[in-house]
PDB file of N, CA and C in Angstrom:
ATOM      1  N   GLN A   1     -15.438  16.186  18.425  1.00  0.00           N
ATOM      2  CA  GLN A   1     -15.500  15.363  17.476  1.00  0.00           C
ATOM      3  C   GLN A   1     -17.143  14.647  16.738  1.00  0.00           C
ATOM      4  N   VAL A   2     -17.366  14.991  15.704  1.00  0.00           N
ATOM      5  CA  VAL A   2     -18.673  14.414  15.310  1.00  0.00           C
ATOM      6  C   VAL A   2     -18.779  13.194  14.657  1.00  0.00           C
ATOM      7  N   GLN A   3     -19.326  12.100  15.025  1.00  0.00           N
ATOM      8  CA  GLN A   3     -19.307  10.719  14.793  1.00  0.00           C
ATOM      9  C   GLN A   3     -21.141   9.966  14.129  1.00  0.00           C
ATOM     10  N   LEU A   4     -21.089   9.820  12.847  1.00  0.00           N
ATOM     11  CA  LEU A   4     -21.781   9.283  12.922  1.00  0.00           C
ATOM     12  C   LEU A   4     -21.888   7.868  12.704  1.00  0.00           C
ATOM     13  N   VAL A   5     -22.734   6.940  12.903  1.00  0.00           N
ATOM     14  CA  VAL A   5     -22.113   5.542  12.840  1.00  0.00           C
ATOM     15  C   VAL A   5     -23.415   4.607  12.428  1.00  0.00           C
ATOM     16  N   GLU A   6     -23.348   3.907  11.220  1.00  0.00           N
ATOM     17  CA  GLU A   6     -24.474   3.420  10.496  1.00  0.00           C
ATOM     18  C   GLU A   6     -24.531   1.709  10.555  1.00  0.00           C
ATOM     19  N   SER A   7     -26.101   1.442  11.054  1.00  0.00           N
ATOM     20  CA  SER A   7     -26.085   0.271  11.489  1.00  0.00           C
ATOM     21  C   SER A   7     -27.479  -0.861  10.911  1.00  0.00           C
ATOM     22  N   GLY A   8     -27.416  -2.171  10.893  1.00  0.00           N
ATOM     23  CA  GLY A   8     -28.676  -2.686  10.568  1.00  0.00           C
ATOM     24  C   GLY A   8     -28.979  -2.966   8.888  1.00  0.00           C
ATOM     25  N   GLY A   9     -27.328  -2.800   7.975  1.00  0.00           N
ATOM     26  CA  GLY A   9     -27.248  -3.490   7.046  1.00  0.00           C
ATOM     27  C   GLY A   9     -27.141  -5.070   6.913  1.00  0.00           C
ATOM     28  N   GLY A  10     -27.143  -5.189   5.939  1.00  0.00           N
ATOM     29  CA  GLY A  10     -27.099  -7.003   5.648  1.00  0.00           C
ATOM     30  C   GLY A  10     -27.692  -7.427   4.306  1.00  0.00           C
ATOM     31  N   LEU A  11     -27.944  -8.875   4.256  1.00  0.00           N
ATOM     32  CA  LEU A  11     -28.284  -9.280   3.149  1.00  0.00           C
ATOM     33  C   LEU A  11     -29.720  -9.736   3.442  1.00  0.00           C
ATOM     34  N   VAL A  12     -30.227  -9.394   2.534  1.00  0.00           N
ATOM     35  CA  VAL A  12     -32.083  -9.951   2.154  1.00  0.00           C
ATOM     36  C   VAL A  12     -32.145 -10.173   0.889  1.00  0.00           C
ATOM     37  N   GLN A  13     -33.548 -10.715   0.742  1.00  0.00           N
ATOM     38  CA  GLN A  13     -33.891 -11.291  -0.355  1.00  0.00           C
ATOM     39  C   GLN A  13     -34.367  -9.880  -1.213  1.00  0.00           C
ATOM     40  N   ALA A  14     -34.739 -10.527  -2.444  1.00  0.00           N
ATOM     41  CA  ALA A  14     -35.731  -9.337  -2.983  1.00  0.00           C
ATOM     42  C   ALA A  14     -37.047  -9.513  -2.277  1.00  0.00           C
ATOM     43  N   GLY A  15     -37.716  -8.033  -1.953  1.00  0.00           N
ATOM     44  CA  GLY A  15     -39.032  -7.923  -1.209  1.00  0.00           C
ATOM     45  C   GLY A  15     -38.845  -8.071  -0.162  1.00  0.00           C
ATOM     46  N   GLY A  16     -37.885  -8.330   0.301  1.00  0.00           N
ATOM     47  CA  GLY A  16     -37.428  -7.748   1.918  1.00  0.00           C
ATOM     48  C   GLY A  16     -37.636  -6.653   2.750  1.00  0.00           C
ATOM     49  N   SER A  17     -37.267  -6.582   4.073  1.00  0.00           N
ATOM     50  CA  SER A  17     -37.160  -5.278   4.668  1.00  0.00           C
ATOM     51  C   SER A  17     -35.957  -5.209   5.570  1.00  0.00           C
ATOM     52  N   LEU A  18     -35.631  -4.266   5.666  1.00  0.00           N
ATOM     53  CA  LEU A  18     -34.260  -3.866   6.534  1.00  0.00           C
ATOM     54  C   LEU A  18     -34.394  -2.580   7.379  1.00  0.00           C
ATOM     55  N   ARG A  19     -33.884  -2.483   8.675  1.00  0.00           N
ATOM     56  CA  ARG A  19     -33.984  -0.795   8.717  1.00  0.00           C
ATOM     57  C   ARG A  19     -32.904  -0.425   9.488  1.00  0.00           C
ATOM     58  N   LEU A  20     -32.284   0.939   8.843  1.00  0.00           N
ATOM     59  CA  LEU A  20     -30.842   1.092   9.122  1.00  0.00           C
ATOM     60  C   LEU A  20     -31.086   1.977   9.874  1.00  0.00           C
ATOM     61  N   SER A  21     -30.035   1.886  10.571  1.00  0.00           N
ATOM     62  CA  SER A  21     -29.534   3.531  11.877  1.00  0.00           C
ATOM     63  C   SER A  21     -28.822   4.046  11.917  1.00  0.00           C
ATOM     64  N   CYS A  22     -28.632   5.310  12.266  1.00  0.00           N
ATOM     65  CA  CYS A  22     -27.449   5.943  12.062  1.00  0.00           C
ATOM     66  C   CYS A  22     -27.950   7.037  13.642  1.00  0.00           C
ATOM     67  N   ALA A  23     -26.861   6.331  14.318  1.00  0.00           N
ATOM     68  CA  ALA A  23     -26.527   7.284  15.934  1.00  0.00           C
ATOM     69  C   ALA A  23     -25.643   8.247  15.494  1.00  0.00           C
ATOM     70  N   SER A  24     -25.811   9.175  16.318  1.00  0.00           N
ATOM     71  CA  SER A  24     -24.891  10.510  15.967  1.00  0.00           C
ATOM     72  C   SER A  24     -24.228  10.861  17.620  1.00  0.00           C
ATOM     73  N   SER A  25     -22.833  11.575  17.433  1.00  0.00           N
ATOM     74  CA  SER A  25     -22.681  11.727  18.714  1.00  0.00           C
ATOM     75  C   SER A  25     -21.815  13.137  17.794  1.00  0.00           C
ATOM     76  N   GLY A  26     -21.481  14.103  18.635  1.00  0.00           N
ATOM     77  CA  GLY A  26     -20.693  15.389  18.785  1.00  0.00           C
ATOM     78  C   GLY A  26     -21.240  16.349  18.223  1.00  0.00           C
ATOM     79  N   LEU A  27     -22.383  16.498  18.168  1.00  0.00           N
ATOM     80  CA  LEU A  27     -23.149  17.448  17.415  1.00  0.00           C
ATOM     81  C   LEU A  27     -24.586  17.755  18.407  1.00  0.00           C
ATOM     82  N   THR A  28     -25.363  18.995  17.870  1.00  0.00           N
ATOM     83  CA  THR A  28     -26.576  18.912  18.668  1.00  0.00           C
ATOM     84  C   THR A  28     -27.945  18.327  17.361  1.00  0.00           C
ATOM     85  N   PHE A  29     -27.996  17.580  17.401  1.00  0.00           N
ATOM     86  CA  PHE A  29     -28.686  16.829  16.607  1.00  0.00           C
ATOM     87  C   PHE A  29     -30.308  17.449  16.195  1.00  0.00           C
ATOM     88  N   SER A  30     -30.675  18.025  17.493  1.00  0.00           N
ATOM     89  CA  SER A  30     -31.807  18.342  16.755  1.00  0.00           C
ATOM     90  C   SER A  30     -31.994  19.513  15.804  1.00  0.00           C
ATOM     91  N   ASN A  31     -30.512  20.078  15.574  1.00  0.00           N
ATOM     92  CA  ASN A  31     -30.583  21.343  14.999  1.00  0.00           C
ATOM     93  C   ASN A  31     -29.931  20.582  13.448  1.00  0.00           C
ATOM     94  N   TYR A  32     -30.121  19.566  12.943  1.00  0.00           N
ATOM     95  CA  TYR A  32     -29.409  18.956  11.854  1.00  0.00           C
ATOM     96  C   TYR A  32     -30.729  18.313  10.944  1.00  0.00           C
ATOM     97  N   ALA A  33     -30.181  18.626  10.250  1.00  0.00           N
ATOM     98  CA  ALA A  33     -31.241  17.811   8.906  1.00  0.00           C
ATOM     99  C   ALA A  33     -29.980  16.299   8.788  1.00  0.00           C
ATOM    100  N   MET A  34     -30.536  15.250   8.539  1.00  0.00           N
ATOM    101  CA  MET A  34     -30.125  13.988   8.531  1.00  0.00           C
ATOM    102  C   MET A  34     -30.592  13.291   6.813  1.00  0.00           C
ATOM    103  N   GLY A  35     -29.637  13.092   6.424  1.00  0.00           N
ATOM    104  CA  GLY A  35     -30.180  12.315   4.856  1.00  0.00           C
ATOM    105  C   GLY A  35     -28.816  11.067   4.755  1.00  0.00           C
ATOM    106  N   TRP A  36     -29.856  10.254   3.895  1.00  0.00           N
ATOM    107  CA  TRP A  36     -29.391   8.608   3.444  1.00  0.00           C
ATOM    108  C   TRP A  36     -29.038   8.950   2.211  1.00  0.00           C
ATOM    109  N   PHE A  37     -27.943   8.456   1.947  1.00  0.00           N
ATOM    110  CA  PHE A  37     -27.492   8.025   0.258  1.00  0.00           C
ATOM    111  C   PHE A  37     -27.145   7.018  -0.053  1.00  0.00           C
ATOM    112  N   ARG A  38     -26.853   6.397  -1.062  1.00  0.00           N
ATOM    113  CA  ARG A  38     -26.502   4.814  -1.086  1.00  0.00           C
ATOM    114  C   ARG A  38     -25.183   4.826  -2.598  1.00  0.00           C
ATOM    115  N   GLN A  39     -24.765   4.271  -2.528  1.00  0.00           N
ATOM    116  CA  GLN A  39     -23.560   4.254  -3.893  1.00  0.00           C
ATOM    117  C   GLN A  39     -23.242   2.734  -3.874  1.00  0.00           C
ATOM    118  N   ALA A  40     -23.854   2.496  -5.052  1.00  0.00           N
ATOM    119  CA  ALA A  40     -23.268   0.663  -5.702  1.00  0.00           C
ATOM    120  C   ALA A  40     -22.053   0.849  -6.255  1.00  0.00           C
ATOM    121  N   PRO A  41     -21.772  -0.217  -6.888  1.00  0.00           N
ATOM    122  CA  PRO A  41     -20.131  -0.429  -7.253  1.00  0.00           C
ATOM    123  C   PRO A  41     -19.548   0.080  -8.632  1.00  0.00           C
ATOM    124  N   GLY A  42     -19.046   1.425  -8.845  1.00  0.00           N
ATOM    125  CA  GLY A  42     -19.235   2.214 -10.109  1.00  0.00           C
ATOM    126  C   GLY A  42     -19.871   3.162 -10.538  1.00  0.00           C
ATOM    127  N   LYS A  43     -21.024   2.983  -9.469  1.00  0.00           N
ATOM    128  CA  LYS A  43     -21.361   4.206  -9.728  1.00  0.00           C
ATOM    129  C   LYS A  43     -21.405   5.913  -8.854  1.00  0.00           C
ATOM    130  N   GLU A  44     -22.341   7.145  -8.940  1.00  0.00           N
ATOM    131  CA  GLU A  44     -22.001   7.843  -7.904  1.00  0.00           C
ATOM    132  C   GLU A  44     -23.232   7.654  -6.863  1.00  0.00           C
ATOM    133  N   ARG A  45     -22.650   8.118  -6.113  1.00  0.00           N
ATOM    134  CA  ARG A  45     -23.105   8.273  -4.910  1.00  0.00           C
ATOM    135  C   ARG A  45     -24.984   9.216  -4.710  1.00  0.00           C
ATOM    136  N   GLU A  46     -25.724   8.820  -4.424  1.00  0.00           N
ATOM    137  CA  GLU A  46     -27.173   9.187  -4.655  1.00  0.00           C
ATOM    138  C   GLU A  46     -27.884   9.098  -3.838  1.00  0.00           C
ATOM    139  N   PHE A  47     -28.731  10.724  -3.827  1.00  0.00           N
ATOM    140  CA  PHE A  47     -29.957  10.843  -2.703  1.00  0.00           C
ATOM    141  C   PHE A  47     -30.728   9.699  -2.530  1.00  0.00           C
ATOM    142  N   VAL A  48     -31.590   9.620  -1.155  1.00  0.00           N
ATOM    143  CA  VAL A  48     -32.204   8.216  -0.758  1.00  0.00           C
ATOM    144  C   VAL A  48     -33.187   9.300  -0.169  1.00  0.00           C
ATOM    145  N   ALA A  49     -33.113   9.878   0.809  1.00  0.00           N
ATOM    146  CA  ALA A  49     -34.029  10.356   1.583  1.00  0.00           C
ATOM    147  C   ALA A  49     -33.444  11.297   2.440  1.00  0.00           C
ATOM    148  N   ALA A  50     -34.162  12.386   2.961  1.00  0.00           N
ATOM    149  CA  ALA A  50     -33.960  13.195   4.452  1.00  0.00           C
ATOM    150  C   ALA A  50     -35.001  13.508   5.087  1.00  0.00           C
ATOM    151  N   ILE A  51     -34.725  14.119   6.183  1.00  0.00           N
ATOM    152  CA  ILE A  51     -35.343  14.805   7.278  1.00  0.00           C
ATOM    153  C   ILE A  51     -34.703  15.850   8.171  1.00  0.00           C
ATOM    154  N   SER A  52     -35.263  17.131   7.723  1.00  0.00           N
ATOM    155  CA  SER A  52     -35.120  17.899   8.214  1.00  0.00           C
ATOM    156  C   SER A  52     -35.096  18.277   9.875  1.00  0.00           C
ATOM    157  N   TRP A  53     -34.702  19.451  10.446  1.00  0.00           N
ATOM    158  CA  TRP A  53     -34.482  19.609  12.017  1.00  0.00           C
ATOM    159  C   TRP A  53     -35.713  19.283  12.463  1.00  0.00           C
ATOM    160  N   ARG A  54     -36.851  20.073  11.550  1.00  0.00           N
ATOM    161  CA  ARG A  54     -38.293  19.991  12.356  1.00  0.00           C
ATOM    162  C   ARG A  54     -39.106  18.576  11.650  1.00  0.00           C
ATOM    163  N   GLY A  55     -38.650  17.666  10.768  1.00  0.00           N
ATOM    164  CA  GLY A  55     -39.380  16.386  10.595  1.00  0.00           C
ATOM    165  C   GLY A  55     -39.780  16.407   9.448  1.00  0.00           C
ATOM    166  N   THR A  56     -39.282  17.642   8.517  1.00  0.00           N
ATOM    167  CA  THR A  56     -40.081  17.602   7.220  1.00  0.00           C
ATOM    168  C   THR A  56     -39.304  16.769   6.430  1.00  0.00           C
ATOM    169  N   THR A  57     -39.482  15.543   5.539  1.00  0.00           N
ATOM    170  CA  THR A  57     -38.855  14.870   4.698  1.00  0.00           C
ATOM    171  C   THR A  57     -39.262  15.028   3.010  1.00  0.00           C
ATOM    172  N   SER A  58     -37.760  14.456   2.560  1.00  0.00           N
ATOM    173  CA  SER A  58     -37.920  13.947   1.000  1.00  0.00           C
ATOM    174  C   SER A  58     -37.574  12.861   0.611  1.00  0.00           C
ATOM    175  N   SER A  59     -37.407  12.469  -0.414  1.00  0.00           N
ATOM    176  CA  SER A  59     -37.078  11.319  -0.856  1.00  0.00           C
ATOM    177  C   SER A  59     -37.263  11.221  -2.312  1.00  0.00           C
ATOM    178  N   THR A  60     -36.299   9.995  -2.669  1.00  0.00           N
ATOM    179  CA  THR A  60     -36.193  10.140  -4.825  1.00  0.00           C
ATOM    180  C   THR A  60     -37.397   9.547  -4.863  1.00  0.00           C
ATOM    181  N   ASP A  61     -37.799   9.577  -5.887  1.00  0.00           N
ATOM    182  CA  ASP A  61     -39.127   9.190  -6.772  1.00  0.00           C
ATOM    183  C   ASP A  61     -39.271   7.700  -6.396  1.00  0.00           C
ATOM    184  N   SER A  62     -37.790   6.863  -6.705  1.00  0.00           N
ATOM    185  CA  SER A  62     -37.991   5.624  -6.539  1.00  0.00           C
ATOM    186  C   SER A  62     -38.071   4.542  -5.461  1.00  0.00           C
ATOM    187  N   VAL A  63     -37.884   5.347  -4.664  1.00  0.00           N
ATOM    188  CA  VAL A  63     -38.233   4.585  -2.924  1.00  0.00           C
ATOM    189  C   VAL A  63     -39.678   5.174  -2.494  1.00  0.00           C
ATOM    190  N   LYS A  64     -40.250   6.154  -3.040  1.00  0.00           N
ATOM    191  CA  LYS A  64     -41.202   6.685  -2.569  1.00  0.00           C
ATOM    192  C   LYS A  64     -42.524   5.278  -2.495  1.00  0.00           C
ATOM    193  N   GLY A  65     -43.274   5.262  -0.985  1.00  0.00           N
ATOM    194  CA  GLY A  65     -43.872   4.294  -0.876  1.00  0.00           C
ATOM    195  C   GLY A  65     -43.353   3.102  -0.071  1.00  0.00           C
ATOM    196  N   ARG A  66     -41.975   3.054  -0.022  1.00  0.00           N
ATOM    197  CA  ARG A  66     -41.459   1.631  -0.011  1.00  0.00           C
ATOM    198  C   ARG A  66     -40.309   2.393   1.393  1.00  0.00           C
ATOM    199  N   PHE A  67     -39.623   3.400   1.123  1.00  0.00           N
ATOM    200  CA  PHE A  67     -38.827   3.597   2.303  1.00  0.00           C
ATOM    201  C   PHE A  67     -39.596   4.769   3.375  1.00  0.00           C
ATOM    202  N   THR A  68     -39.200   4.658   4.535  1.00  0.00           N
ATOM    203  CA  THR A  68     -39.627   5.825   4.896  1.00  0.00           C
ATOM    204  C   THR A  68     -38.330   5.737   5.971  1.00  0.00           C
ATOM    205  N   ILE A  69     -38.016   7.689   6.213  1.00  0.00           N
ATOM    206  CA  ILE A  69     -37.089   7.777   7.171  1.00  0.00           C
ATOM    207  C   ILE A  69     -37.661   8.518   8.350  1.00  0.00           C
ATOM    208  N   SER A  70     -37.339   8.547   9.540  1.00  0.00           N
ATOM    209  CA  SER A  70     -37.893   8.998  10.318  1.00  0.00           C
ATOM    210  C   SER A  70     -36.776  10.013  11.434  1.00  0.00           C
ATOM    211  N   ARG A  71     -37.008  10.060  12.164  1.00  0.00           N
ATOM    212  CA  ARG A  71     -35.758  10.406  13.504  1.00  0.00           C
ATOM    213  C   ARG A  71     -36.274  10.865  15.027  1.00  0.00           C
ATOM    214  N   ASP A  72     -35.436  10.432  16.087  1.00  0.00           N
ATOM    215  CA  ASP A  72     -35.785  10.232  17.584  1.00  0.00           C
ATOM    216  C   ASP A  72     -34.987  11.147  17.674  1.00  0.00           C
ATOM    217  N   ASN A  73     -34.841  11.954  18.026  1.00  0.00           N
ATOM    218  CA  ASN A  73     -33.735  13.323  18.898  1.00  0.00           C
ATOM    219  C   ASN A  73     -33.636  13.006  20.201  1.00  0.00           C
ATOM    220  N   ALA A  74     -34.668  12.196  20.793  1.00  0.00           N
ATOM    221  CA  ALA A  74     -33.812  11.893  22.228  1.00  0.00           C
ATOM    222  C   ALA A  74     -32.864  10.680  22.283  1.00  0.00           C
ATOM    223  N   LYS A  75     -32.680   9.792  21.114  1.00  0.00           N
ATOM    224  CA  LYS A  75     -31.542   9.046  21.042  1.00  0.00           C
ATOM    225  C   LYS A  75     -30.716   9.721  19.938  1.00  0.00           C
ATOM    226  N   ASN A  76     -30.452  10.719  19.135  1.00  0.00           N
ATOM    227  CA  ASN A  76     -29.575  11.482  18.276  1.00  0.00           C
ATOM    228  C   ASN A  76     -29.761  10.286  17.292  1.00  0.00           C
ATOM    229  N   THR A  77     -30.377   9.602  16.781  1.00  0.00           N
ATOM    230  CA  THR A  77     -30.627   8.510  15.597  1.00  0.00           C
ATOM    231  C   THR A  77     -31.645   9.092  14.354  1.00  0.00           C
ATOM    232  N   VAL A  78     -31.329   8.434  13.530  1.00  0.00           N
ATOM    233  CA  VAL A  78     -32.195   8.527  12.496  1.00  0.00           C
ATOM    234  C   VAL A  78     -31.822   7.094  11.521  1.00  0.00           C
ATOM    235  N   TYR A  79     -33.358   7.096  10.972  1.00  0.00           N
ATOM    236  CA  TYR A  79     -33.797   5.944  10.768  1.00  0.00           C
ATOM    237  C   TYR A  79     -34.153   5.749   9.306  1.00  0.00           C
ATOM    238  N   LEU A  80     -33.853   4.527   8.785  1.00  0.00           N
ATOM    239  CA  LEU A  80     -34.512   4.365   7.207  1.00  0.00           C
ATOM    240  C   LEU A  80     -35.056   2.915   7.275  1.00  0.00           C
ATOM    241  N   GLN A  81     -36.418   3.164   7.217  1.00  0.00           N
ATOM    242  CA  GLN A  81     -36.959   1.690   7.220  1.00  0.00           C
ATOM    243  C   GLN A  81     -37.073   1.157   5.411  1.00  0.00           C
ATOM    244  N   MET A  82     -37.069   0.494   5.389  1.00  0.00           N
ATOM    245  CA  MET A  82     -36.735  -0.006   3.533  1.00  0.00           C
ATOM    246  C   MET A  82     -37.601  -1.325   3.251  1.00  0.00           C
ATOM    247  N   ASN A  83     -38.597  -1.182   2.823  1.00  0.00           N
ATOM    248  CA  ASN A  83     -39.187  -2.508   2.307  1.00  0.00           C
ATOM    249  C   ASN A  83     -39.419  -2.576   0.900  1.00  0.00           C
ATOM    250  N   ASN A  84     -39.938  -3.476   0.681  1.00  0.00           N
ATOM    251  CA  ASN A  84     -40.261  -4.482  -0.419  1.00  0.00           C
ATOM    252  C   ASN A  84     -38.588  -3.880  -1.255  1.00  0.00           C
ATOM    253  N   LEU A  85     -37.495  -4.043  -0.943  1.00  0.00           N
ATOM    254  CA  LEU A  85     -36.242  -4.358  -1.468  1.00  0.00           C
ATOM    255  C   LEU A  85     -36.280  -5.062  -2.768  1.00  0.00           C
ATOM    256  N   LYS A  86     -35.417  -3.994  -3.549  1.00  0.00           N
ATOM    257  CA  LYS A  86     -34.816  -4.610  -4.986  1.00  0.00           C
ATOM    258  C   LYS A  86     -33.385  -4.765  -5.391  1.00  0.00           C
ATOM    259  N   PRO A  87     -33.184  -5.836  -5.961  1.00  0.00           N
ATOM    260  CA  PRO A  87     -31.520  -6.321  -6.301  1.00  0.00           C
ATOM    261  C   PRO A  87     -31.046  -4.844  -6.721  1.00  0.00           C
ATOM    262  N   GLU A  88     -31.707  -3.991  -7.486  1.00  0.00           N
ATOM    263  CA  GLU A  88     -30.773  -2.984  -7.856  1.00  0.00           C
ATOM    264  C   GLU A  88     -30.532  -1.927  -6.781  1.00  0.00           C
ATOM    265  N   GLU A  89     -30.724  -2.097  -5.701  1.00  0.00           N
ATOM    266  CA  GLU A  89     -30.412  -1.369  -4.608  1.00  0.00           C
ATOM    267  C   GLU A  89     -29.156  -1.688  -3.816  1.00  0.00           C
ATOM    268  N   THR A  90     -29.023  -2.639  -3.880  1.00  0.00           N
ATOM    269  CA  THR A  90     -27.821  -3.146  -3.602  1.00  0.00           C
ATOM    270  C   THR A  90     -26.471  -1.983  -3.675  1.00  0.00           C
ATOM    271  N   ALA A  91     -26.003  -1.898  -2.404  1.00  0.00           N
ATOM    272  CA  ALA A  91     -25.180  -0.743  -2.288  1.00  0.00           C
ATOM    273  C   ALA A  91     -24.568  -0.524  -0.733  1.00  0.00           C
ATOM    274  N   VAL A  92     -23.896   0.439  -0.468  1.00  0.00           N
ATOM    275  CA  VAL A  92     -23.347   1.090   0.472  1.00  0.00           C
ATOM    276  C   VAL A  92     -24.131   2.162   0.715  1.00  0.00           C
ATOM    277  N   TYR A  93     -24.927   2.015   2.054  1.00  0.00           N
ATOM    278  CA  TYR A  93     -25.787   3.305   2.716  1.00  0.00           C
ATOM    279  C   TYR A  93     -25.116   3.974   3.611  1.00  0.00           C
ATOM    280  N   TYR A  94     -24.809   5.182   3.076  1.00  0.00           N
ATOM    281  CA  TYR A  94     -24.234   6.202   4.243  1.00  0.00           C
ATOM    282  C   TYR A  94     -25.314   7.315   5.037  1.00  0.00           C
ATOM    283  N   CYS A  95     -25.373   7.610   6.077  1.00  0.00           N
ATOM    284  CA  CYS A  95     -25.612   8.489   6.608  1.00  0.00           C
ATOM    285  C   CYS A  95     -25.154   9.971   6.504  1.00  0.00           C
ATOM    286  N   ALA A  96     -25.782  11.104   6.542  1.00  0.00           N
ATOM    287  CA  ALA A  96     -25.078  12.686   6.942  1.00  0.00           C
ATOM    288  C   ALA A  96     -25.879  13.282   7.222  1.00  0.00           C
ATOM    289  N   ALA A  97     -25.258  14.622   7.537  1.00  0.00           N
ATOM    290  CA  ALA A  97     -25.819  15.698   8.144  1.00  0.00           C
ATOM    291  C   ALA A  97     -25.484  16.654   8.007  1.00  0.00           C
ATOM    292  N   LYS A  98     -25.965  17.785   8.081  1.00  0.00           N
ATOM    293  CA  LYS A  98     -25.875  19.238   7.796  1.00  0.00           C
ATOM    294  C   LYS A  98     -26.887  20.197   8.437  1.00  0.00           C
ATOM    295  N   LEU A  99     -27.247  21.216   8.465  1.00  0.00           N
ATOM    296  CA  LEU A  99     -27.736  22.046   9.657  1.00  0.00           C
ATOM    297  C   LEU A  99     -29.016  22.717   9.130  1.00  0.00           C
ATOM    298  N   TRP A 100     -30.263  22.381   9.857  1.00  0.00           N
ATOM    299  CA  TRP A 100     -31.243  23.011   9.459  1.00  0.00           C
ATOM    300  C   TRP A 100     -32.152  21.718   8.070  1.00  0.00           C
ATOM    301  N   GLY A 101     -32.361  22.644   7.032  1.00  0.00           N
ATOM    302  CA  GLY A 101     -32.990  22.122   6.392  1.00  0.00           C
ATOM    303  C   GLY A 101     -32.431  20.838   5.027  1.00  0.00           C
ATOM    304  N   VAL A 102     -33.366  19.912   4.402  1.00  0.00           N
ATOM    305  CA  VAL A 102     -32.978  19.122   3.610  1.00  0.00           C
ATOM    306  C   VAL A 102     -32.503  19.506   2.256  1.00  0.00           C
ATOM    307  N   ALA A 103     -31.497  18.379   2.085  1.00  0.00           N
ATOM    308  CA  ALA A 103     -31.038  18.637   0.697  1.00  0.00           C
ATOM    309  C   ALA A 103     -30.812  17.283   0.112  1.00  0.00           C
ATOM    310  N   THR A 104     -30.511  17.167  -1.044  1.00  0.00           N
ATOM    311  CA  THR A 104     -30.258  16.082  -2.153  1.00  0.00           C
ATOM    312  C   THR A 104     -29.084  16.148  -2.477  1.00  0.00           C
ATOM    313  N   ARG A 105     -28.285  17.074  -2.558  1.00  0.00           N
ATOM    314  CA  ARG A 105     -27.004  17.141  -3.028  1.00  0.00           C
ATOM    315  C   ARG A 105     -25.767  16.402  -2.116  1.00  0.00           C
ATOM    316  N   ALA A 106     -24.999  15.406  -2.215  1.00  0.00           N
ATOM    317  CA  ALA A 106     -24.222  15.078  -1.210  1.00  0.00           C
ATOM    318  C   ALA A 106     -22.981  15.860  -0.630  1.00  0.00           C
ATOM    319  N   SER A 107     -22.871  16.718  -1.968  1.00  0.00           N
ATOM    320  CA  SER A 107     -22.222  18.260  -1.406  1.00  0.00           C
ATOM    321  C   SER A 107     -22.611  18.958  -0.353  1.00  0.00           C
ATOM    322  N   ASP A 108     -24.054  18.934  -0.398  1.00  0.00           N
ATOM    323  CA  ASP A 108     -24.226  19.721   0.956  1.00  0.00           C
ATOM    324  C   ASP A 108     -24.287  19.493   2.170  1.00  0.00           C
ATOM    325  N   TYR A 109     -23.897  17.792   2.548  1.00  0.00           N
ATOM    326  CA  TYR A 109     -23.767  17.409   3.691  1.00  0.00           C
ATOM    327  C   TYR A 109     -22.364  17.974   4.158  1.00  0.00           C
ATOM    328  N   THR A 110     -22.613  18.022   5.790  1.00  0.00           N
ATOM    329  CA  THR A 110     -20.878  18.296   6.382  1.00  0.00           C
ATOM    330  C   THR A 110     -20.699  16.910   7.329  1.00  0.00           C
ATOM    331  N   TYR A 111     -21.364  16.156   7.409  1.00  0.00           N
ATOM    332  CA  TYR A 111     -20.683  15.186   8.157  1.00  0.00           C
ATOM    333  C   TYR A 111     -21.014  13.755   7.475  1.00  0.00           C
ATOM    334  N   TRP A 112     -20.366  12.872   7.613  1.00  0.00           N
ATOM    335  CA  TRP A 112     -20.905  11.242   6.844  1.00  0.00           C
ATOM    336  C   TRP A 112     -20.236  10.140   7.737  1.00  0.00           C
ATOM    337  N   GLY A 113     -21.048   9.461   7.956  1.00  0.00           N
ATOM    338  CA  GLY A 113     -20.940   7.747   8.604  1.00  0.00           C
ATOM    339  C   GLY A 113     -19.935   7.179   7.873  1.00  0.00           C
ATOM    340  N   GLN A 114     -19.437   5.780   8.089  1.00  0.00           N
ATOM    341  CA  GLN A 114     -18.777   5.098   7.541  1.00  0.00           C
ATOM    342  C   GLN A 114     -19.233   4.108   6.284  1.00  0.00           C
ATOM    343  N   GLY A 115     -20.637   4.214   6.252  1.00  0.00           N
ATOM    344  CA  GLY A 115     -21.652   3.566   5.579  1.00  0.00           C
ATOM    345  C   GLY A 115     -21.534   2.072   6.110  1.00  0.00           C
ATOM    346  N   THR A 116     -22.322   1.563   5.299  1.00  0.00           N
ATOM    347  CA  THR A 116     -23.206   0.079   5.760  1.00  0.00           C
ATOM    348  C   THR A 116     -23.648  -0.253   4.851  1.00  0.00           C
ATOM    349  N   GLN A 117     -22.925  -1.722   4.309  1.00  0.00           N
ATOM    350  CA  GLN A 117     -23.569  -2.525   3.255  1.00  0.00           C
ATOM    351  C   GLN A 117     -24.749  -2.951   3.132  1.00  0.00           C
ATOM    352  N   VAL A 118     -25.933  -2.958   2.116  1.00  0.00           N
ATOM    353  CA  VAL A 118     -26.848  -3.670   1.496  1.00  0.00           C
ATOM    354  C   VAL A 118     -27.084  -4.146   0.712  1.00  0.00           C
ATOM    355  N   THR A 119     -27.066  -5.280   0.783  1.00  0.00           N
ATOM    356  CA  THR A 119     -27.019  -6.726  -0.407  1.00  0.00           C
ATOM    357  C   THR A 119     -28.802  -7.479  -0.592  1.00  0.00           C
ATOM    358  N   VAL A 120     -28.908  -6.892  -1.796  1.00  0.00           N
ATOM    359  CA  VAL A 120     -30.295  -7.838  -1.947  1.00  0.00           C
ATOM    360  C   VAL A 120     -30.244  -8.820  -2.991  1.00  0.00           C
ATOM    361  N   SER A 121     -30.832  -9.866  -2.912  1.00  0.00           N
ATOM    362  CA  SER A 121     -30.162 -10.786  -3.359  1.00  0.00           C
ATOM    363  C   SER A 121     -31.527 -11.149  -4.569  1.00  0.00           C
ATOM    364  N   SER A 122     -31.799 -11.487  -5.683  1.00  0.00           N
ATOM    365  CA  SER A 122     -32.713 -11.894  -6.376  1.00  0.00           C
ATOM    366  C   SER A 122     -33.447 -13.491  -6.546  1.00  0.00           C
TER     367      SER A 122
END
């Protein structure tokens, strides 16, 4: 049984930082690309960043230079370091897994976590 468990969300002031973690179990982590998505109330789920099984990364333009995705295969964990957060980035952040390469469409991912709330106050 595959499980993805996010942690690290919370309340932060604009300009602040958070580090999200997503711990996985039940899959061969090193074979999977991992993605981070976010969904704000009333909006569609949107791609944030992803990292391939080999460590190639991709991110949406709005977070480039501020967010960094990384993975630790020994710990079966993917991270999202978020700096200089903005109020409009308040959302539930989800991690997701798919085999091999990165993808930006949510429908390409096989497994999903339950999400962690990130709230950025102005």
